[in-house]
Amino acid sequence: MSDIFFEDFVEGAVKTYGAYAVTEAEILAFAREFDPQPMHLDPEAGAASLLGGLAASGWHACAIAQRLMCDGFLLQAAGRGSPGVSETKWLAPVRPGDVLSLRRTVVESRTSKTKPDLGLVTLKLELLKATGEVAMEQSIVVLFARRNPGARLA
């Protein structure tokens, strides 16, 4: 049963979720499977790159953000999918030993014009290092069921 609905996403609301510890083993495993570029597989190649050391693939950072989003609220929500991610920025390398959290800001919340039982919520997601540095930023839209589809919203 869902506990979180469209109406629970108030514009301007900010919440932070999780504490995910990144390991070298998982960086290497993800890179071997999905992004086998040298800077994600070899500390020396990483050091010689713009990353300045072994770093997780940006796609690995996206996967970690998705995990934190699921654990933080999405699995308890009446989520109905997403029409897409409008922007992703990788701002700082994710390294072994980093502890990451996810900050979610509700940018916009509106009911669907064609499906009044749904609302569209634009979220700004920031994958944060323990220092507060933003490693990754995304702008996404997620569809959520409305708690009371017949009610009018102001």
N, C-alpha and C. Protein backbone atom coordinates (compact mmCIF):
# COMPACT_ATOMS: atom_id res chain seq x y z
N MET A 1 0.83 -1.18 0.00
CA MET A 1 0.00 0.00 0.00
C MET A 1 0.88 1.25 0.00
N SER A 2 0.49 2.21 -0.76
CA SER A 2 1.25 3.46 -0.88
C SER A 2 0.90 4.41 0.25
N ASP A 3 1.93 5.05 0.78
CA ASP A 3 1.75 6.05 1.83
C ASP A 3 1.99 7.47 1.31
N ILE A 4 2.63 7.59 0.15
CA ILE A 4 3.00 8.89 -0.39
C ILE A 4 2.33 9.07 -1.74
N PHE A 5 1.61 10.18 -1.89
CA PHE A 5 0.88 10.47 -3.12
C PHE A 5 1.31 11.82 -3.68
N PHE A 6 0.81 12.13 -4.85
CA PHE A 6 1.10 13.40 -5.52
C PHE A 6 0.97 14.59 -4.58
N GLU A 7 -0.10 14.62 -3.80
CA GLU A 7 -0.37 15.76 -2.92
C GLU A 7 0.71 15.97 -1.86
N ASP A 8 1.53 14.96 -1.62
CA ASP A 8 2.58 15.06 -0.61
C ASP A 8 3.85 15.76 -1.12
N PHE A 9 3.88 16.07 -2.40
CA PHE A 9 5.05 16.74 -2.99
C PHE A 9 4.75 18.23 -3.13
N VAL A 10 5.18 18.99 -2.16
CA VAL A 10 4.91 20.43 -2.09
C VAL A 10 6.09 21.18 -2.71
N GLU A 11 5.78 22.08 -3.63
CA GLU A 11 6.84 22.84 -4.28
C GLU A 11 7.73 23.52 -3.25
N GLY A 12 9.04 23.38 -3.46
CA GLY A 12 10.03 23.97 -2.57
C GLY A 12 10.48 23.06 -1.45
N ALA A 13 9.75 21.96 -1.21
CA ALA A 13 10.13 21.05 -0.12
C ALA A 13 11.45 20.35 -0.44
N VAL A 14 12.30 20.24 0.58
CA VAL A 14 13.61 19.61 0.45
C VAL A 14 13.73 18.50 1.48
N LYS A 15 14.16 17.33 1.04
CA LYS A 15 14.40 16.21 1.95
C LYS A 15 15.70 15.53 1.54
N THR A 16 16.37 14.93 2.52
CA THR A 16 17.62 14.22 2.26
C THR A 16 17.47 12.79 2.75
N TYR A 17 18.03 11.86 1.96
CA TYR A 17 17.87 10.43 2.24
C TYR A 17 19.22 9.72 2.19
N GLY A 18 19.35 8.71 3.06
CA GLY A 18 20.39 7.72 2.94
C GLY A 18 21.78 8.11 3.37
N ALA A 19 22.59 7.08 3.43
CA ALA A 19 24.03 7.17 3.65
C ALA A 19 24.61 5.92 2.99
N TYR A 20 25.03 6.07 1.76
CA TYR A 20 25.49 4.94 0.96
C TYR A 20 27.01 4.99 0.84
N ALA A 21 27.70 3.97 1.37
CA ALA A 21 29.16 3.90 1.33
C ALA A 21 29.60 3.19 0.05
N VAL A 22 30.40 3.89 -0.73
CA VAL A 22 30.89 3.37 -2.01
C VAL A 22 32.20 2.63 -1.78
N THR A 23 32.30 1.43 -2.36
CA THR A 23 33.52 0.64 -2.22
C THR A 23 34.27 0.55 -3.55
N GLU A 24 35.56 0.33 -3.46
CA GLU A 24 36.36 0.13 -4.67
C GLU A 24 35.88 -1.09 -5.43
N ALA A 25 35.53 -2.15 -4.70
CA ALA A 25 35.08 -3.38 -5.36
C ALA A 25 33.83 -3.14 -6.21
N GLU A 26 32.89 -2.35 -5.70
CA GLU A 26 31.68 -2.11 -6.49
C GLU A 26 31.95 -1.18 -7.66
N ILE A 27 32.86 -0.21 -7.50
CA ILE A 27 33.23 0.65 -8.62
C ILE A 27 33.80 -0.19 -9.75
N LEU A 28 34.71 -1.09 -9.40
CA LEU A 28 35.34 -1.96 -10.40
C LEU A 28 34.32 -2.91 -11.03
N ALA A 29 33.45 -3.50 -10.22
CA ALA A 29 32.44 -4.44 -10.75
C ALA A 29 31.47 -3.74 -11.70
N PHE A 30 31.00 -2.56 -11.32
CA PHE A 30 30.09 -1.81 -12.20
C PHE A 30 30.80 -1.46 -13.50
N ALA A 31 32.01 -0.96 -13.39
CA ALA A 31 32.77 -0.56 -14.58
C ALA A 31 33.02 -1.75 -15.50
N ARG A 32 33.42 -2.87 -14.94
CA ARG A 32 33.66 -4.07 -15.78
C ARG A 32 32.40 -4.46 -16.55
N GLU A 33 31.26 -4.36 -15.89
CA GLU A 33 29.99 -4.78 -16.49
C GLU A 33 29.41 -3.74 -17.45
N PHE A 34 29.48 -2.46 -17.11
CA PHE A 34 28.70 -1.46 -17.84
C PHE A 34 29.47 -0.29 -18.44
N ASP A 35 30.66 0.03 -17.92
CA ASP A 35 31.38 1.20 -18.41
C ASP A 35 32.89 0.95 -18.28
N PRO A 36 33.42 0.04 -19.10
CA PRO A 36 34.80 -0.40 -18.91
C PRO A 36 35.86 0.56 -19.45
N GLN A 37 35.73 1.83 -19.09
CA GLN A 37 36.75 2.80 -19.45
C GLN A 37 37.88 2.73 -18.41
N PRO A 38 39.13 2.96 -18.84
CA PRO A 38 40.28 2.79 -17.94
C PRO A 38 40.19 3.55 -16.63
N MET A 39 39.65 4.79 -16.64
CA MET A 39 39.63 5.59 -15.40
C MET A 39 38.68 5.02 -14.34
N HIS A 40 37.81 4.09 -14.76
CA HIS A 40 36.90 3.44 -13.82
C HIS A 40 37.40 2.05 -13.42
N LEU A 41 38.46 1.59 -14.08
CA LEU A 41 38.96 0.23 -13.84
C LEU A 41 40.35 0.16 -13.22
N ASP A 42 41.12 1.24 -13.36
CA ASP A 42 42.52 1.19 -12.96
C ASP A 42 42.91 2.49 -12.24
N PRO A 43 43.40 2.39 -11.00
CA PRO A 43 43.78 3.60 -10.26
C PRO A 43 44.82 4.46 -10.99
N GLU A 44 45.78 3.84 -11.68
CA GLU A 44 46.80 4.62 -12.39
C GLU A 44 46.18 5.36 -13.57
N ALA A 45 45.31 4.70 -14.30
CA ALA A 45 44.63 5.36 -15.42
C ALA A 45 43.72 6.47 -14.90
N GLY A 46 43.08 6.23 -13.78
CA GLY A 46 42.24 7.26 -13.17
C GLY A 46 43.06 8.47 -12.75
N ALA A 47 44.24 8.22 -12.18
CA ALA A 47 45.11 9.31 -11.75
C ALA A 47 45.60 10.14 -12.94
N ALA A 48 45.80 9.49 -14.07
CA ALA A 48 46.28 10.18 -15.27
C ALA A 48 45.15 10.91 -16.01
N SER A 49 43.91 10.67 -15.61
CA SER A 49 42.76 11.28 -16.28
C SER A 49 42.37 12.59 -15.60
N LEU A 50 41.38 13.26 -16.17
CA LEU A 50 40.84 14.47 -15.55
C LEU A 50 40.23 14.20 -14.18
N LEU A 51 39.91 12.94 -13.90
CA LEU A 51 39.29 12.57 -12.62
C LEU A 51 40.30 12.58 -11.47
N GLY A 52 41.58 12.44 -11.78
CA GLY A 52 42.61 12.52 -10.76
C GLY A 52 42.68 11.33 -9.83
N GLY A 53 42.08 10.22 -10.20
CA GLY A 53 42.12 9.00 -9.40
C GLY A 53 40.99 8.08 -9.82
N LEU A 54 40.99 6.89 -9.25
CA LEU A 54 39.93 5.94 -9.55
C LEU A 54 38.59 6.56 -9.17
N ALA A 55 37.63 6.51 -10.09
CA ALA A 55 36.32 7.11 -9.83
C ALA A 55 35.23 6.25 -10.45
N ALA A 56 34.09 6.28 -9.82
CA ALA A 56 32.92 5.55 -10.33
C ALA A 56 32.46 6.16 -11.65
N SER A 57 31.91 5.33 -12.48
CA SER A 57 31.25 5.81 -13.69
C SER A 57 30.11 6.74 -13.30
N GLY A 58 29.86 7.73 -14.13
CA GLY A 58 28.70 8.59 -13.90
C GLY A 58 27.41 7.80 -13.87
N TRP A 59 27.35 6.76 -14.68
CA TRP A 59 26.14 5.92 -14.71
C TRP A 59 26.00 5.13 -13.42
N HIS A 60 27.12 4.81 -12.79
CA HIS A 60 27.10 4.17 -11.48
C HIS A 60 26.53 5.15 -10.46
N ALA A 61 26.94 6.42 -10.54
CA ALA A 61 26.39 7.44 -9.65
C ALA A 61 24.87 7.56 -9.84
N CYS A 62 24.42 7.49 -11.09
CA CYS A 62 22.98 7.52 -11.35
C CYS A 62 22.27 6.34 -10.70
N ALA A 63 22.88 5.17 -10.79
CA ALA A 63 22.28 3.97 -10.19
C ALA A 63 22.22 4.09 -8.67
N ILE A 64 23.25 4.65 -8.06
CA ILE A 64 23.25 4.86 -6.61
C ILE A 64 22.15 5.85 -6.23
N ALA A 65 22.01 6.92 -7.01
CA ALA A 65 20.94 7.89 -6.74
C ALA A 65 19.57 7.23 -6.82
N GLN A 66 19.38 6.36 -7.82
CA GLN A 66 18.10 5.65 -7.96
C GLN A 66 17.85 4.76 -6.74
N ARG A 67 18.88 4.09 -6.27
CA ARG A 67 18.74 3.24 -5.08
C ARG A 67 18.33 4.06 -3.86
N LEU A 68 18.99 5.20 -3.67
CA LEU A 68 18.66 6.07 -2.55
C LEU A 68 17.24 6.63 -2.67
N MET A 69 16.83 6.93 -3.90
CA MET A 69 15.48 7.42 -4.12
C MET A 69 14.46 6.33 -3.81
N CYS A 70 14.71 5.11 -4.27
CA CYS A 70 13.80 3.99 -3.97
C CYS A 70 13.70 3.75 -2.47
N ASP A 71 14.83 3.65 -1.81
CA ASP A 71 14.84 3.39 -0.37
C ASP A 71 14.25 4.55 0.42
N GLY A 72 14.49 5.77 -0.05
CA GLY A 72 14.06 6.95 0.68
C GLY A 72 12.57 7.23 0.61
N PHE A 73 11.98 7.07 -0.59
CA PHE A 73 10.55 7.39 -0.70
C PHE A 73 9.82 6.68 -1.82
N LEU A 74 10.49 6.34 -2.89
CA LEU A 74 9.79 5.86 -4.07
C LEU A 74 9.06 4.54 -3.84
N LEU A 75 9.63 3.63 -3.06
CA LEU A 75 8.98 2.34 -2.82
C LEU A 75 7.76 2.45 -1.91
N GLN A 76 7.62 3.58 -1.21
CA GLN A 76 6.46 3.82 -0.37
C GLN A 76 5.45 4.74 -1.06
N ALA A 77 5.76 5.12 -2.29
CA ALA A 77 4.93 6.10 -3.00
C ALA A 77 4.06 5.43 -4.06
N ALA A 78 3.03 6.16 -4.44
CA ALA A 78 2.13 5.73 -5.51
C ALA A 78 2.71 6.19 -6.85
N GLY A 79 3.96 5.83 -7.08
CA GLY A 79 4.66 6.20 -8.30
C GLY A 79 4.09 5.44 -9.49
N ARG A 80 4.02 6.12 -10.61
CA ARG A 80 3.46 5.51 -11.82
C ARG A 80 4.43 5.61 -12.99
N GLY A 81 5.72 5.79 -12.68
CA GLY A 81 6.73 5.85 -13.74
C GLY A 81 7.21 7.27 -13.97
N SER A 82 8.01 7.40 -15.02
CA SER A 82 8.61 8.70 -15.32
C SER A 82 8.69 8.88 -16.82
N PRO A 83 8.34 10.07 -17.30
CA PRO A 83 8.52 10.34 -18.72
C PRO A 83 9.98 10.65 -19.07
N GLY A 84 10.83 10.82 -18.06
CA GLY A 84 12.24 10.97 -18.37
C GLY A 84 13.02 11.89 -17.47
N VAL A 85 14.31 11.87 -17.73
CA VAL A 85 15.28 12.73 -17.06
C VAL A 85 15.62 13.84 -18.05
N SER A 86 15.46 15.08 -17.64
CA SER A 86 15.73 16.17 -18.58
C SER A 86 17.19 16.62 -18.55
N GLU A 87 17.88 16.35 -17.43
CA GLU A 87 19.28 16.78 -17.34
C GLU A 87 20.00 15.96 -16.28
N THR A 88 21.24 15.61 -16.59
CA THR A 88 22.14 14.98 -15.62
C THR A 88 23.49 15.68 -15.73
N LYS A 89 24.03 16.07 -14.58
CA LYS A 89 25.36 16.69 -14.54
C LYS A 89 26.22 15.93 -13.55
N TRP A 90 27.39 15.51 -13.98
CA TRP A 90 28.36 14.89 -13.10
C TRP A 90 29.35 15.98 -12.71
N LEU A 91 29.31 16.38 -11.45
CA LEU A 91 30.04 17.57 -11.00
C LEU A 91 31.32 17.27 -10.24
N ALA A 92 31.40 16.10 -9.61
CA ALA A 92 32.60 15.73 -8.85
C ALA A 92 32.73 14.21 -8.88
N PRO A 93 33.96 13.69 -8.94
CA PRO A 93 34.14 12.25 -8.98
C PRO A 93 33.64 11.57 -7.70
N VAL A 94 33.05 10.40 -7.88
CA VAL A 94 32.67 9.54 -6.76
C VAL A 94 33.78 8.52 -6.61
N ARG A 95 34.36 8.48 -5.42
CA ARG A 95 35.54 7.65 -5.18
C ARG A 95 35.27 6.58 -4.13
N PRO A 96 36.13 5.56 -4.11
CA PRO A 96 36.02 4.56 -3.04
C PRO A 96 36.09 5.27 -1.68
N GLY A 97 35.21 4.87 -0.78
CA GLY A 97 35.17 5.46 0.55
C GLY A 97 34.20 6.62 0.69
N ASP A 98 33.73 7.17 -0.43
CA ASP A 98 32.73 8.24 -0.34
C ASP A 98 31.45 7.69 0.28
N VAL A 99 30.83 8.49 1.12
CA VAL A 99 29.51 8.17 1.67
C VAL A 99 28.55 9.18 1.07
N LEU A 100 27.57 8.66 0.35
CA LEU A 100 26.68 9.52 -0.43
C LEU A 100 25.27 9.55 0.15
N SER A 101 24.64 10.69 0.03
CA SER A 101 23.22 10.83 0.35
C SER A 101 22.54 11.52 -0.82
N LEU A 102 21.22 11.53 -0.80
CA LEU A 102 20.45 12.12 -1.89
C LEU A 102 19.57 13.23 -1.35
N ARG A 103 19.73 14.42 -1.92
CA ARG A 103 18.87 15.55 -1.56
C ARG A 103 17.85 15.73 -2.69
N ARG A 104 16.58 15.77 -2.30
CA ARG A 104 15.47 15.90 -3.25
C ARG A 104 14.77 17.23 -3.02
N THR A 105 14.64 18.02 -4.06
CA THR A 105 13.91 19.28 -4.00
C THR A 105 12.75 19.20 -4.98
N VAL A 106 11.55 19.52 -4.50
CA VAL A 106 10.38 19.55 -5.38
C VAL A 106 10.38 20.89 -6.10
N VAL A 107 10.58 20.85 -7.40
CA VAL A 107 10.67 22.06 -8.21
C VAL A 107 9.29 22.49 -8.70
N GLU A 108 8.49 21.53 -9.13
CA GLU A 108 7.15 21.82 -9.65
C GLU A 108 6.25 20.62 -9.39
N SER A 109 4.98 20.90 -9.18
CA SER A 109 3.99 19.87 -8.93
C SER A 109 2.69 20.30 -9.60
N ARG A 110 2.21 19.49 -10.55
CA ARG A 110 0.98 19.86 -11.25
C ARG A 110 0.20 18.61 -11.64
N THR A 111 -1.10 18.76 -11.71
CA THR A 111 -1.93 17.64 -12.14
C THR A 111 -1.82 17.47 -13.65
N SER A 112 -2.02 16.25 -14.09
CA SER A 112 -1.99 15.96 -15.51
C SER A 112 -3.24 16.52 -16.18
N LYS A 113 -3.05 17.13 -17.33
CA LYS A 113 -4.19 17.68 -18.08
C LYS A 113 -5.00 16.57 -18.75
N THR A 114 -4.33 15.47 -19.09
CA THR A 114 -5.02 14.38 -19.81
C THR A 114 -5.42 13.22 -18.91
N LYS A 115 -4.78 13.10 -17.75
CA LYS A 115 -5.09 12.01 -16.81
C LYS A 115 -5.25 12.61 -15.42
N PRO A 116 -6.46 13.07 -15.07
CA PRO A 116 -6.66 13.79 -13.81
C PRO A 116 -6.40 12.95 -12.55
N ASP A 117 -6.23 11.64 -12.69
CA ASP A 117 -5.91 10.81 -11.53
C ASP A 117 -4.40 10.81 -11.24
N LEU A 118 -3.62 11.52 -12.09
CA LEU A 118 -2.17 11.56 -11.93
C LEU A 118 -1.68 12.99 -11.76
N GLY A 119 -0.53 13.10 -11.09
CA GLY A 119 0.18 14.37 -10.99
C GLY A 119 1.59 14.19 -11.47
N LEU A 120 2.16 15.25 -12.01
CA LEU A 120 3.54 15.25 -12.46
C LEU A 120 4.36 16.09 -11.50
N VAL A 121 5.45 15.51 -11.01
CA VAL A 121 6.31 16.18 -10.05
C VAL A 121 7.71 16.29 -10.64
N THR A 122 8.19 17.52 -10.78
CA THR A 122 9.56 17.75 -11.23
C THR A 122 10.44 17.82 -9.99
N LEU A 123 11.47 16.98 -9.98
CA LEU A 123 12.39 16.90 -8.85
C LEU A 123 13.80 17.26 -9.27
N LYS A 124 14.48 17.99 -8.43
CA LYS A 124 15.91 18.19 -8.56
C LYS A 124 16.56 17.21 -7.58
N LEU A 125 17.39 16.34 -8.08
CA LEU A 125 18.09 15.37 -7.24
C LEU A 125 19.56 15.73 -7.20
N GLU A 126 20.13 15.71 -6.00
CA GLU A 126 21.56 15.97 -5.84
C GLU A 126 22.18 14.84 -5.04
N LEU A 127 23.17 14.20 -5.63
CA LEU A 127 23.92 13.16 -4.94
C LEU A 127 25.06 13.86 -4.20
N LEU A 128 25.01 13.79 -2.88
CA LEU A 128 25.92 14.55 -2.03
C LEU A 128 26.98 13.68 -1.40
N LYS A 129 28.21 14.19 -1.36
CA LYS A 129 29.27 13.55 -0.58
C LYS A 129 29.10 13.98 0.88
N ALA A 130 29.73 13.29 1.79
CA ALA A 130 29.62 13.61 3.21
C ALA A 130 30.10 15.04 3.51
N THR A 131 30.96 15.57 2.66
CA THR A 131 31.46 16.94 2.83
C THR A 131 30.43 17.99 2.42
N GLY A 132 29.35 17.55 1.78
CA GLY A 132 28.34 18.47 1.25
C GLY A 132 28.54 18.77 -0.23
N GLU A 133 29.66 18.35 -0.78
CA GLU A 133 29.94 18.57 -2.21
C GLU A 133 28.93 17.79 -3.05
N VAL A 134 28.42 18.42 -4.10
CA VAL A 134 27.47 17.77 -4.99
C VAL A 134 28.26 17.00 -6.05
N ALA A 135 28.08 15.67 -6.07
CA ALA A 135 28.76 14.83 -7.04
C ALA A 135 27.97 14.73 -8.34
N MET A 136 26.64 14.72 -8.23
CA MET A 136 25.79 14.59 -9.41
C MET A 136 24.50 15.34 -9.17
N GLU A 137 23.94 15.87 -10.25
CA GLU A 137 22.68 16.59 -10.17
C GLU A 137 21.80 16.12 -11.33
N GLN A 138 20.53 15.89 -11.04
CA GLN A 138 19.57 15.49 -12.07
C GLN A 138 18.29 16.29 -11.93
N SER A 139 17.64 16.48 -13.06
CA SER A 139 16.29 17.03 -13.07
C SER A 139 15.40 15.97 -13.72
N ILE A 140 14.39 15.51 -12.98
CA ILE A 140 13.53 14.44 -13.47
C ILE A 140 12.06 14.80 -13.22
N VAL A 141 11.20 14.14 -13.98
CA VAL A 141 9.76 14.25 -13.76
C VAL A 141 9.27 12.85 -13.41
N VAL A 142 8.46 12.76 -12.36
CA VAL A 142 7.89 11.48 -11.93
C VAL A 142 6.38 11.63 -11.86
N LEU A 143 5.67 10.61 -12.32
CA LEU A 143 4.21 10.57 -12.22
C LEU A 143 3.82 9.89 -10.91
N PHE A 144 2.87 10.49 -10.20
CA PHE A 144 2.34 9.91 -8.97
C PHE A 144 0.83 9.91 -9.04
N ALA A 145 0.23 8.86 -8.47
CA ALA A 145 -1.23 8.83 -8.35
C ALA A 145 -1.67 9.90 -7.36
N ARG A 146 -2.85 10.44 -7.61
CA ARG A 146 -3.43 11.41 -6.68
C ARG A 146 -4.19 10.67 -5.59
N ARG A 147 -4.12 11.16 -4.39
CA ARG A 147 -4.82 10.57 -3.25
C ARG A 147 -6.33 10.66 -3.46
N ASN A 148 -6.78 11.80 -3.96
CA ASN A 148 -8.21 12.05 -4.17
C ASN A 148 -8.37 12.66 -5.57
N PRO A 149 -8.43 11.82 -6.62
CA PRO A 149 -8.45 12.32 -7.98
C PRO A 149 -9.60 13.26 -8.30
N GLY A 150 -10.70 13.21 -7.56
CA GLY A 150 -11.83 14.07 -7.86
C GLY A 150 -11.72 15.45 -7.26
N ALA A 151 -10.77 15.64 -6.35
CA ALA A 151 -10.64 16.95 -5.69
C ALA A 151 -9.98 17.96 -6.61
N ARG A 152 -10.42 19.19 -6.50
CA ARG A 152 -9.79 20.27 -7.25
C ARG A 152 -8.59 20.78 -6.46
N LEU A 153 -7.57 21.14 -7.20
CA LEU A 153 -6.40 21.73 -6.56
C LEU A 153 -6.40 23.22 -6.84
N ALA A 154 -5.94 23.98 -5.89
CA ALA A 154 -5.89 25.45 -6.05
C ALA A 154 -4.84 25.83 -7.07
